[in-house]
Amino acid sequence: MPYNTKIVDEINILARYNLKTTQEGLKIHSSAESSVIKAAQRLFDKGLITQADGGYLTPLGRKAAEHTQDLLQIIKD
């Protein structure tokens, strides 16, 4: 499956979550780029975050964020 900008936008949001705590979420402001707002909506639709504008990670979202952040750590230069 080729990666496209939509997937990259979703990965970028998952990478921003602080995995050291479950008490910290994200807020995607209405002034954010439309691609970021749409990516957050897609993550919400997939059941990975609790709100369409960010919120907290769901249990599935936490796993996705862990995998995302692990992969980014492995491939960073």
C-alpha atoms as a PDB file:
ATOM      1  CA  MET A   1       0.000   0.000   0.000  1.00  0.00           C
ATOM      2  CA  PRO A   2       1.619   3.261  -1.038  1.00  0.00           C
ATOM      3  CA  TYR A   3       1.664   6.011   1.526  1.00  0.00           C
ATOM      4  CA  ASN A   4      -0.015   9.263   0.685  1.00  0.00           C
ATOM      5  CA  THR A   5      -0.247  12.649   2.344  1.00  0.00           C
ATOM      6  CA  LYS A   6      -3.433  11.657   4.199  1.00  0.00           C
ATOM      7  CA  ILE A   7      -1.641   8.809   5.960  1.00  0.00           C
ATOM      8  CA  VAL A   8       1.366  11.009   6.696  1.00  0.00           C
ATOM      9  CA  ASP A   9      -0.926  13.634   8.244  1.00  0.00           C
ATOM     10  CA  GLU A  10      -2.499  10.980  10.478  1.00  0.00           C
ATOM     11  CA  ILE A  11       0.920   9.655  11.485  1.00  0.00           C
ATOM     12  CA  ASN A  12       2.038  13.175  12.362  1.00  0.00           C
ATOM     13  CA  ILE A  13      -0.899  13.558  14.743  1.00  0.00           C
ATOM     14  CA  LEU A  14      -0.309  10.173  16.387  1.00  0.00           C
ATOM     15  CA  ALA A  15       3.355  11.076  16.811  1.00  0.00           C
ATOM     16  CA  ARG A  16       2.433  14.146  18.878  1.00  0.00           C
ATOM     17  CA  TYR A  17       0.688  12.248  21.673  1.00  0.00           C
ATOM     18  CA  ASN A  18       2.548  11.948  24.961  1.00  0.00           C
ATOM     19  CA  LEU A  19       2.555   8.234  25.715  1.00  0.00           C
ATOM     20  CA  LYS A  20       3.950   8.713  29.224  1.00  0.00           C
ATOM     21  CA  THR A  21       0.487   9.660  30.493  1.00  0.00           C
ATOM     22  CA  THR A  22      -3.133   8.970  29.646  1.00  0.00           C
ATOM     23  CA  GLN A  23      -4.169  12.319  31.119  1.00  0.00           C
ATOM     24  CA  GLU A  24      -2.803  14.454  28.280  1.00  0.00           C
ATOM     25  CA  GLY A  25      -4.618  14.866  24.988  1.00  0.00           C
ATOM     26  CA  LEU A  26      -4.352  17.070  21.923  1.00  0.00           C
ATOM     27  CA  LYS A  27      -6.489  19.913  20.665  1.00  0.00           C
ATOM     28  CA  ILE A  28      -6.554  20.602  16.932  1.00  0.00           C
ATOM     29  CA  HIS A  29      -7.605  24.221  16.622  1.00  0.00           C
ATOM     30  CA  SER A  30      -9.980  25.430  13.942  1.00  0.00           C
ATOM     31  CA  SER A  31      -7.154  27.633  12.639  1.00  0.00           C
ATOM     32  CA  ALA A  32      -4.976  24.581  11.873  1.00  0.00           C
ATOM     33  CA  GLU A  33      -4.313  23.606   8.283  1.00  0.00           C
ATOM     34  CA  SER A  34      -7.305  21.908   6.706  1.00  0.00           C
ATOM     35  CA  SER A  35      -5.241  18.765   6.090  1.00  0.00           C
ATOM     36  CA  VAL A  36      -4.567  18.457   9.842  1.00  0.00           C
ATOM     37  CA  ILE A  37      -8.223  19.025  10.715  1.00  0.00           C
ATOM     38  CA  LYS A  38      -9.262  16.374   8.188  1.00  0.00           C
ATOM     39  CA  ALA A  39      -6.633  13.944   9.488  1.00  0.00           C
ATOM     40  CA  ALA A  40      -7.963  14.319  13.035  1.00  0.00           C
ATOM     41  CA  GLN A  41     -11.487  13.668  11.768  1.00  0.00           C
ATOM     42  CA  ARG A  42     -10.301  10.482  10.018  1.00  0.00           C
ATOM     43  CA  LEU A  43      -8.561   9.283  13.199  1.00  0.00           C
ATOM     44  CA  PHE A  44     -11.774   9.936  15.123  1.00  0.00           C
ATOM     45  CA  ASP A  45     -13.813   8.080  12.488  1.00  0.00           C
ATOM     46  CA  LYS A  46     -11.426   5.124  12.795  1.00  0.00           C
ATOM     47  CA  GLY A  47     -11.886   5.076  16.571  1.00  0.00           C
ATOM     48  CA  LEU A  48      -8.315   6.078  17.405  1.00  0.00           C
ATOM     49  CA  ILE A  49      -9.053   9.366  19.192  1.00  0.00           C
ATOM     50  CA  THR A  50     -11.970  10.437  21.355  1.00  0.00           C
ATOM     51  CA  GLN A  51     -12.860  13.733  19.657  1.00  0.00           C
ATOM     52  CA  ALA A  52     -12.948  14.899  16.053  1.00  0.00           C
ATOM     53  CA  ASP A  53     -10.609  17.737  17.035  1.00  0.00           C
ATOM     54  CA  GLY A  54      -8.148  15.610  18.985  1.00  0.00           C
ATOM     55  CA  GLY A  55      -8.968  14.636  22.527  1.00  0.00           C
ATOM     56  CA  TYR A  56      -7.449  11.532  24.045  1.00  0.00           C
ATOM     57  CA  LEU A  57      -6.256   8.295  22.521  1.00  0.00           C
ATOM     58  CA  THR A  58      -8.629   5.359  22.645  1.00  0.00           C
ATOM     59  CA  PRO A  59      -7.094   1.978  23.583  1.00  0.00           C
ATOM     60  CA  LEU A  60      -6.704   1.201  19.865  1.00  0.00           C
ATOM     61  CA  GLY A  61      -5.336   4.686  19.262  1.00  0.00           C
ATOM     62  CA  ARG A  62      -2.768   4.214  21.996  1.00  0.00           C
ATOM     63  CA  LYS A  63      -1.510   1.051  20.291  1.00  0.00           C
ATOM     64  CA  ALA A  64      -1.369   2.888  16.963  1.00  0.00           C
ATOM     65  CA  ALA A  65       0.503   5.816  18.536  1.00  0.00           C
ATOM     66  CA  GLU A  66       2.951   3.433  20.244  1.00  0.00           C
ATOM     67  CA  HIS A  67       3.682   1.687  16.954  1.00  0.00           C
ATOM     68  CA  THR A  68       3.946   5.009  15.146  1.00  0.00           C
ATOM     69  CA  GLN A  69       6.354   6.472  17.652  1.00  0.00           C
ATOM     70  CA  ASP A  70       8.413   3.268  17.804  1.00  0.00           C
ATOM     71  CA  LEU A  71       8.744   3.217  14.019  1.00  0.00           C
ATOM     72  CA  LEU A  72       9.742   6.882  13.884  1.00  0.00           C
ATOM     73  CA  GLN A  73      12.364   6.247  16.568  1.00  0.00           C
ATOM     74  CA  ILE A  74      13.793   3.319  14.587  1.00  0.00           C
ATOM     75  CA  ILE A  75      14.017   5.129  11.241  1.00  0.00           C
ATOM     76  CA  LYS A  76      15.141   8.561  12.437  1.00  0.00           C
ATOM     77  CA  ASP A  77      18.541   9.623  11.232  1.00  0.00           C
END
